[in-house]
Amino acid sequence: MKIMGLDYGDRRIGVAVSDVFGWTAQGVEVIERRREGDEYGRIAELASQHEIEEIVVGLPKNMNGSVGPRGEICKAFAEELRSRIDLPVHLWDERLTTVSAQRTLIEADVSRKKRKGIVDKMAAVLILQNYLDSKSKK
């Protein structure tokens, strides 16, 4: 069963997909949000192309576990995605995934310009991999 992970942002959405066994996550692309609503069509295309059976959207939470304004925006995105795509859509705690992705890229000596283009994709990979790991422990 293949699963898609999304790191939703104001300007970009990082996309990752799992292998068919649900063991590993790989980055696919970064969707640039240019016109409101275009991202849903691209997500649907990718879901079809990769034979996705469910989607995981990163939910940014505060360190105390509460959901702030950014989290509410992601919840609204997930709801809209559910209404447009006939697939299960789950929210997954993504605390510090973007920070972790940035740190990994800095340690790998990736330039600031290149980091900007791939950090969202890498954050999506971390969100999806954490979700996959939690499912394999059950």
N, C-alpha and C. Protein backbone atom coordinates (compact mmCIF):
# COMPACT_ATOMS: atom_id res chain seq x y z
N MET A 1 0.84 -1.18 0.00
CA MET A 1 0.00 0.00 0.00
C MET A 1 0.88 1.24 0.00
N LYS A 2 0.74 2.08 -1.00
CA LYS A 2 1.56 3.29 -1.11
C LYS A 2 0.84 4.47 -0.45
N ILE A 3 1.63 5.25 0.27
CA ILE A 3 1.11 6.39 1.01
C ILE A 3 1.87 7.64 0.58
N MET A 4 1.15 8.76 0.51
CA MET A 4 1.76 10.04 0.16
C MET A 4 1.85 10.89 1.42
N GLY A 5 2.98 11.58 1.57
CA GLY A 5 3.16 12.52 2.68
C GLY A 5 3.27 13.92 2.12
N LEU A 6 2.61 14.89 2.79
CA LEU A 6 2.63 16.27 2.35
C LEU A 6 3.09 17.19 3.47
N ASP A 7 4.01 18.09 3.14
CA ASP A 7 4.41 19.16 4.05
C ASP A 7 3.82 20.44 3.47
N TYR A 8 2.72 20.89 4.07
CA TYR A 8 1.96 22.02 3.53
C TYR A 8 2.53 23.34 4.02
N GLY A 9 2.80 24.25 3.07
CA GLY A 9 3.28 25.58 3.40
C GLY A 9 2.54 26.63 2.61
N ASP A 10 2.75 27.89 2.98
CA ASP A 10 2.07 28.99 2.30
C ASP A 10 2.43 29.07 0.82
N ARG A 11 3.70 28.83 0.49
CA ARG A 11 4.15 28.96 -0.90
C ARG A 11 4.47 27.64 -1.58
N ARG A 12 4.83 26.63 -0.78
CA ARG A 12 5.23 25.35 -1.36
C ARG A 12 4.66 24.19 -0.56
N ILE A 13 4.47 23.08 -1.26
CA ILE A 13 4.04 21.84 -0.63
C ILE A 13 5.04 20.76 -0.99
N GLY A 14 5.72 20.24 0.02
CA GLY A 14 6.64 19.12 -0.20
C GLY A 14 5.86 17.84 -0.33
N VAL A 15 6.28 16.98 -1.27
CA VAL A 15 5.58 15.72 -1.53
C VAL A 15 6.56 14.56 -1.43
N ALA A 16 6.14 13.52 -0.70
CA ALA A 16 6.91 12.28 -0.61
C ALA A 16 5.94 11.12 -0.79
N VAL A 17 6.46 9.98 -1.26
CA VAL A 17 5.66 8.77 -1.38
C VAL A 17 6.42 7.61 -0.76
N SER A 18 5.66 6.62 -0.32
CA SER A 18 6.28 5.42 0.25
C SER A 18 6.50 4.38 -0.84
N ASP A 19 7.30 3.38 -0.49
CA ASP A 19 7.39 2.22 -1.37
C ASP A 19 6.11 1.40 -1.20
N VAL A 20 5.93 0.35 -1.99
CA VAL A 20 4.68 -0.43 -1.94
C VAL A 20 4.51 -1.17 -0.62
N PHE A 21 5.60 -1.42 0.09
CA PHE A 21 5.53 -2.13 1.37
C PHE A 21 5.25 -1.19 2.54
N GLY A 22 5.33 0.13 2.29
CA GLY A 22 5.13 1.09 3.37
C GLY A 22 6.29 1.13 4.34
N TRP A 23 7.50 0.87 3.85
CA TRP A 23 8.68 0.85 4.71
C TRP A 23 9.48 2.15 4.63
N THR A 24 9.64 2.69 3.42
CA THR A 24 10.49 3.86 3.26
C THR A 24 9.77 4.97 2.49
N ALA A 25 10.18 6.20 2.78
CA ALA A 25 9.63 7.38 2.12
C ALA A 25 10.68 7.99 1.21
N GLN A 26 10.27 8.41 0.03
CA GLN A 26 11.16 9.08 -0.92
C GLN A 26 10.52 10.40 -1.35
N GLY A 27 11.35 11.43 -1.45
CA GLY A 27 10.86 12.72 -1.91
C GLY A 27 10.51 12.66 -3.39
N VAL A 28 9.42 13.32 -3.76
CA VAL A 28 8.97 13.30 -5.15
C VAL A 28 9.15 14.67 -5.79
N GLU A 29 8.57 15.69 -5.18
CA GLU A 29 8.67 17.03 -5.76
C GLU A 29 8.20 18.06 -4.76
N VAL A 30 8.36 19.31 -5.15
CA VAL A 30 7.82 20.44 -4.40
C VAL A 30 6.82 21.13 -5.32
N ILE A 31 5.59 21.25 -4.85
CA ILE A 31 4.55 21.92 -5.62
C ILE A 31 4.57 23.40 -5.25
N GLU A 32 4.79 24.24 -6.24
CA GLU A 32 4.76 25.69 -6.02
C GLU A 32 3.30 26.14 -6.06
N ARG A 33 2.89 26.84 -5.03
CA ARG A 33 1.50 27.32 -4.96
C ARG A 33 1.43 28.69 -5.61
N ARG A 34 1.06 28.72 -6.88
CA ARG A 34 1.00 29.99 -7.60
C ARG A 34 -0.41 30.57 -7.62
N ARG A 35 -1.39 29.72 -7.98
CA ARG A 35 -2.79 30.16 -7.99
C ARG A 35 -3.55 29.31 -7.00
N GLU A 36 -4.41 29.93 -6.24
CA GLU A 36 -5.18 29.25 -5.21
C GLU A 36 -5.96 28.07 -5.79
N GLY A 37 -5.75 26.89 -5.25
CA GLY A 37 -6.50 25.71 -5.67
C GLY A 37 -5.78 24.82 -6.67
N ASP A 38 -4.75 25.33 -7.35
CA ASP A 38 -4.03 24.53 -8.34
C ASP A 38 -3.37 23.31 -7.71
N GLU A 39 -2.98 23.44 -6.45
CA GLU A 39 -2.24 22.37 -5.79
C GLU A 39 -3.06 21.08 -5.68
N TYR A 40 -4.37 21.19 -5.57
CA TYR A 40 -5.21 20.00 -5.43
C TYR A 40 -5.17 19.14 -6.69
N GLY A 41 -5.18 19.78 -7.83
CA GLY A 41 -5.08 19.05 -9.09
C GLY A 41 -3.77 18.31 -9.22
N ARG A 42 -2.69 18.99 -8.84
CA ARG A 42 -1.36 18.35 -8.94
C ARG A 42 -1.25 17.19 -7.95
N ILE A 43 -1.78 17.36 -6.75
CA ILE A 43 -1.75 16.28 -5.76
C ILE A 43 -2.54 15.09 -6.28
N ALA A 44 -3.68 15.35 -6.89
CA ALA A 44 -4.50 14.26 -7.46
C ALA A 44 -3.75 13.54 -8.58
N GLU A 45 -3.05 14.30 -9.43
CA GLU A 45 -2.24 13.69 -10.50
C GLU A 45 -1.17 12.78 -9.92
N LEU A 46 -0.45 13.29 -8.92
CA LEU A 46 0.62 12.50 -8.31
C LEU A 46 0.06 11.27 -7.61
N ALA A 47 -1.08 11.41 -6.95
CA ALA A 47 -1.70 10.28 -6.26
C ALA A 47 -2.06 9.18 -7.27
N SER A 48 -2.59 9.58 -8.40
CA SER A 48 -2.94 8.62 -9.45
C SER A 48 -1.68 7.98 -10.05
N GLN A 49 -0.72 8.81 -10.38
CA GLN A 49 0.52 8.35 -10.99
C GLN A 49 1.26 7.34 -10.11
N HIS A 50 1.27 7.58 -8.80
CA HIS A 50 2.01 6.71 -7.87
C HIS A 50 1.12 5.66 -7.20
N GLU A 51 -0.14 5.57 -7.64
CA GLU A 51 -1.09 4.59 -7.10
C GLU A 51 -1.20 4.68 -5.58
N ILE A 52 -1.43 5.90 -5.10
CA ILE A 52 -1.51 6.19 -3.67
C ILE A 52 -2.85 5.73 -3.12
N GLU A 53 -2.82 5.17 -1.91
CA GLU A 53 -4.04 4.68 -1.26
C GLU A 53 -4.44 5.52 -0.06
N GLU A 54 -3.52 6.29 0.49
CA GLU A 54 -3.86 7.23 1.56
C GLU A 54 -2.84 8.34 1.60
N ILE A 55 -3.23 9.45 2.23
CA ILE A 55 -2.38 10.65 2.29
C ILE A 55 -2.20 11.07 3.74
N VAL A 56 -0.99 11.50 4.06
CA VAL A 56 -0.67 12.01 5.40
C VAL A 56 -0.23 13.46 5.23
N VAL A 57 -0.88 14.36 5.95
CA VAL A 57 -0.55 15.78 5.92
C VAL A 57 0.09 16.14 7.25
N GLY A 58 1.23 16.79 7.19
CA GLY A 58 1.90 17.22 8.41
C GLY A 58 1.08 18.27 9.15
N LEU A 59 0.93 18.07 10.46
CA LEU A 59 0.20 19.01 11.32
C LEU A 59 1.18 19.66 12.28
N PRO A 60 1.51 20.93 12.04
CA PRO A 60 2.45 21.59 12.96
C PRO A 60 1.77 21.88 14.30
N LYS A 61 2.38 21.37 15.35
CA LYS A 61 1.86 21.61 16.70
C LYS A 61 2.88 22.42 17.47
N ASN A 62 2.39 23.12 18.48
CA ASN A 62 3.29 23.81 19.39
C ASN A 62 4.00 22.77 20.25
N MET A 63 5.09 23.17 20.88
CA MET A 63 5.86 22.22 21.67
C MET A 63 5.04 21.62 22.83
N ASN A 64 4.01 22.33 23.28
CA ASN A 64 3.16 21.80 24.36
C ASN A 64 2.05 20.89 23.82
N GLY A 65 2.03 20.65 22.51
CA GLY A 65 1.05 19.76 21.91
C GLY A 65 -0.20 20.43 21.40
N SER A 66 -0.36 21.72 21.69
CA SER A 66 -1.55 22.42 21.21
C SER A 66 -1.40 22.76 19.73
N VAL A 67 -2.54 23.03 19.10
CA VAL A 67 -2.56 23.39 17.68
C VAL A 67 -2.76 24.90 17.57
N GLY A 68 -1.81 25.57 16.93
CA GLY A 68 -1.89 27.01 16.76
C GLY A 68 -2.48 27.39 15.42
N PRO A 69 -2.33 28.67 15.04
CA PRO A 69 -2.89 29.16 13.77
C PRO A 69 -2.38 28.40 12.54
N ARG A 70 -1.09 28.10 12.51
CA ARG A 70 -0.52 27.36 11.37
C ARG A 70 -1.14 25.96 11.28
N GLY A 71 -1.34 25.33 12.42
CA GLY A 71 -1.97 24.02 12.45
C GLY A 71 -3.40 24.06 11.97
N GLU A 72 -4.11 25.13 12.32
CA GLU A 72 -5.50 25.26 11.86
C GLU A 72 -5.56 25.39 10.34
N ILE A 73 -4.60 26.09 9.76
CA ILE A 73 -4.52 26.23 8.30
C ILE A 73 -4.30 24.85 7.67
N CYS A 74 -3.42 24.05 8.26
CA CYS A 74 -3.16 22.70 7.74
C CYS A 74 -4.38 21.80 7.89
N LYS A 75 -5.12 21.95 8.97
CA LYS A 75 -6.35 21.18 9.15
C LYS A 75 -7.36 21.52 8.07
N ALA A 76 -7.49 22.81 7.77
CA ALA A 76 -8.41 23.25 6.72
C ALA A 76 -7.98 22.69 5.36
N PHE A 77 -6.68 22.70 5.09
CA PHE A 77 -6.15 22.14 3.84
C PHE A 77 -6.50 20.65 3.76
N ALA A 78 -6.30 19.91 4.84
CA ALA A 78 -6.59 18.47 4.85
C ALA A 78 -8.07 18.22 4.61
N GLU A 79 -8.93 19.03 5.19
CA GLU A 79 -10.37 18.90 4.98
C GLU A 79 -10.74 19.13 3.52
N GLU A 80 -10.17 20.18 2.94
CA GLU A 80 -10.44 20.48 1.53
C GLU A 80 -9.92 19.35 0.64
N LEU A 81 -8.75 18.82 0.97
CA LEU A 81 -8.17 17.71 0.22
C LEU A 81 -9.09 16.49 0.28
N ARG A 82 -9.62 16.20 1.46
CA ARG A 82 -10.56 15.07 1.63
C ARG A 82 -11.78 15.24 0.72
N SER A 83 -12.26 16.47 0.61
CA SER A 83 -13.46 16.71 -0.19
C SER A 83 -13.19 16.62 -1.69
N ARG A 84 -11.93 16.78 -2.10
CA ARG A 84 -11.59 16.78 -3.53
C ARG A 84 -11.01 15.46 -4.02
N ILE A 85 -10.44 14.68 -3.11
CA ILE A 85 -9.77 13.43 -3.50
C ILE A 85 -10.43 12.29 -2.73
N ASP A 86 -10.76 11.24 -3.42
CA ASP A 86 -11.44 10.11 -2.79
C ASP A 86 -10.42 9.15 -2.15
N LEU A 87 -9.67 9.68 -1.18
CA LEU A 87 -8.68 8.89 -0.45
C LEU A 87 -8.72 9.29 1.02
N PRO A 88 -8.36 8.38 1.92
CA PRO A 88 -8.25 8.78 3.32
C PRO A 88 -7.12 9.80 3.49
N VAL A 89 -7.37 10.84 4.27
CA VAL A 89 -6.37 11.87 4.55
C VAL A 89 -6.20 11.94 6.06
N HIS A 90 -4.96 11.74 6.53
CA HIS A 90 -4.66 11.76 7.96
C HIS A 90 -3.78 12.96 8.28
N LEU A 91 -3.91 13.46 9.49
CA LEU A 91 -3.01 14.50 9.97
C LEU A 91 -1.97 13.84 10.87
N TRP A 92 -0.71 14.28 10.75
CA TRP A 92 0.37 13.68 11.52
C TRP A 92 1.23 14.78 12.14
N ASP A 93 1.51 14.65 13.42
CA ASP A 93 2.32 15.62 14.14
C ASP A 93 3.68 15.79 13.45
N GLU A 94 3.96 17.01 13.03
CA GLU A 94 5.21 17.25 12.29
C GLU A 94 6.18 18.14 13.05
N ARG A 95 6.02 18.24 14.37
CA ARG A 95 6.89 19.13 15.14
C ARG A 95 8.36 18.93 14.78
N LEU A 96 9.00 20.02 14.43
CA LEU A 96 10.45 20.10 14.17
C LEU A 96 10.93 19.39 12.91
N THR A 97 10.04 18.93 12.04
CA THR A 97 10.52 18.25 10.83
C THR A 97 11.25 19.21 9.90
N THR A 98 10.73 20.42 9.73
CA THR A 98 11.41 21.39 8.86
C THR A 98 12.75 21.79 9.46
N VAL A 99 12.78 21.97 10.77
CA VAL A 99 14.05 22.30 11.46
C VAL A 99 15.05 21.17 11.25
N SER A 100 14.59 19.93 11.40
CA SER A 100 15.45 18.77 11.21
C SER A 100 15.94 18.67 9.77
N ALA A 101 15.07 18.94 8.82
CA ALA A 101 15.45 18.91 7.41
C ALA A 101 16.50 19.98 7.12
N GLN A 102 16.27 21.20 7.64
CA GLN A 102 17.25 22.28 7.45
C GLN A 102 18.60 21.89 8.02
N ARG A 103 18.60 21.36 9.23
CA ARG A 103 19.85 20.99 9.91
C ARG A 103 20.60 19.93 9.12
N THR A 104 19.89 18.93 8.62
CA THR A 104 20.51 17.87 7.83
C THR A 104 21.15 18.44 6.57
N LEU A 105 20.44 19.34 5.90
CA LEU A 105 20.97 19.93 4.67
C LEU A 105 22.18 20.82 4.95
N ILE A 106 22.15 21.54 6.05
CA ILE A 106 23.30 22.38 6.43
C ILE A 106 24.51 21.51 6.72
N GLU A 107 24.28 20.43 7.47
CA GLU A 107 25.38 19.50 7.79
C GLU A 107 25.95 18.86 6.53
N ALA A 108 25.10 18.68 5.51
CA ALA A 108 25.56 18.10 4.25
C ALA A 108 26.18 19.17 3.35
N ASP A 109 26.29 20.39 3.86
CA ASP A 109 26.92 21.50 3.15
C ASP A 109 26.18 21.86 1.86
N VAL A 110 24.86 21.77 1.90
CA VAL A 110 24.04 22.17 0.76
C VAL A 110 23.87 23.68 0.82
N SER A 111 24.07 24.35 -0.29
CA SER A 111 23.99 25.81 -0.32
C SER A 111 22.60 26.30 0.06
N ARG A 112 22.53 27.53 0.56
CA ARG A 112 21.25 28.12 0.97
C ARG A 112 20.25 28.12 -0.19
N LYS A 113 20.73 28.45 -1.39
CA LYS A 113 19.85 28.51 -2.56
C LYS A 113 19.26 27.13 -2.87
N LYS A 114 20.07 26.08 -2.83
CA LYS A 114 19.58 24.73 -3.10
C LYS A 114 18.69 24.23 -1.97
N ARG A 115 19.02 24.60 -0.74
CA ARG A 115 18.21 24.17 0.42
C ARG A 115 16.78 24.65 0.27
N LYS A 116 16.62 25.89 -0.18
CA LYS A 116 15.29 26.48 -0.32
C LYS A 116 14.41 25.61 -1.22
N GLY A 117 15.00 25.03 -2.25
CA GLY A 117 14.23 24.23 -3.20
C GLY A 117 13.90 22.83 -2.76
N ILE A 118 14.64 22.31 -1.75
CA ILE A 118 14.41 20.91 -1.38
C ILE A 118 14.00 20.69 0.07
N VAL A 119 14.06 21.73 0.89
CA VAL A 119 13.75 21.53 2.31
C VAL A 119 12.31 21.06 2.51
N ASP A 120 11.36 21.54 1.72
CA ASP A 120 9.96 21.13 1.86
C ASP A 120 9.77 19.66 1.48
N LYS A 121 10.47 19.24 0.43
CA LYS A 121 10.41 17.84 0.01
C LYS A 121 11.00 16.94 1.10
N MET A 122 12.12 17.38 1.67
CA MET A 122 12.76 16.60 2.72
C MET A 122 11.89 16.55 3.98
N ALA A 123 11.21 17.65 4.30
CA ALA A 123 10.30 17.66 5.45
C ALA A 123 9.15 16.68 5.21
N ALA A 124 8.65 16.61 3.96
CA ALA A 124 7.59 15.66 3.63
C ALA A 124 8.08 14.22 3.82
N VAL A 125 9.33 13.97 3.45
CA VAL A 125 9.92 12.64 3.65
C VAL A 125 9.95 12.31 5.14
N LEU A 126 10.38 13.26 5.97
CA LEU A 126 10.44 13.01 7.41
C LEU A 126 9.05 12.78 8.01
N ILE A 127 8.08 13.56 7.59
CA ILE A 127 6.70 13.37 8.06
C ILE A 127 6.22 11.96 7.71
N LEU A 128 6.38 11.59 6.44
CA LEU A 128 5.90 10.29 5.98
C LEU A 128 6.67 9.16 6.65
N GLN A 129 7.99 9.30 6.77
CA GLN A 129 8.78 8.23 7.38
C GLN A 129 8.40 8.03 8.84
N ASN A 130 8.16 9.12 9.57
CA ASN A 130 7.72 9.00 10.96
C ASN A 130 6.37 8.29 11.04
N TYR A 131 5.47 8.60 10.13
CA TYR A 131 4.17 7.96 10.08
C TYR A 131 4.32 6.46 9.78
N LEU A 132 5.14 6.12 8.79
CA LEU A 132 5.36 4.73 8.43
C LEU A 132 5.98 3.95 9.60
N ASP A 133 6.95 4.58 10.26
CA ASP A 133 7.60 3.92 11.40
C ASP A 133 6.61 3.65 12.52
N SER A 134 5.70 4.58 12.75
CA SER A 134 4.70 4.39 13.82
C SER A 134 3.75 3.24 13.48
N LYS A 135 3.42 3.09 12.19
CA LYS A 135 2.53 2.00 11.78
C LYS A 135 3.22 0.64 11.90
N SER A 136 4.52 0.62 11.63
CA SER A 136 5.24 -0.67 11.66
C SER A 136 5.44 -1.16 13.10
N LYS A 137 5.38 -0.26 14.06
CA LYS A 137 5.55 -0.63 15.47
C LYS A 137 4.29 -1.26 16.06
N LYS A 138 3.16 -1.06 15.38
CA LYS A 138 1.88 -1.58 15.91
C LYS A 138 1.72 -3.04 15.61
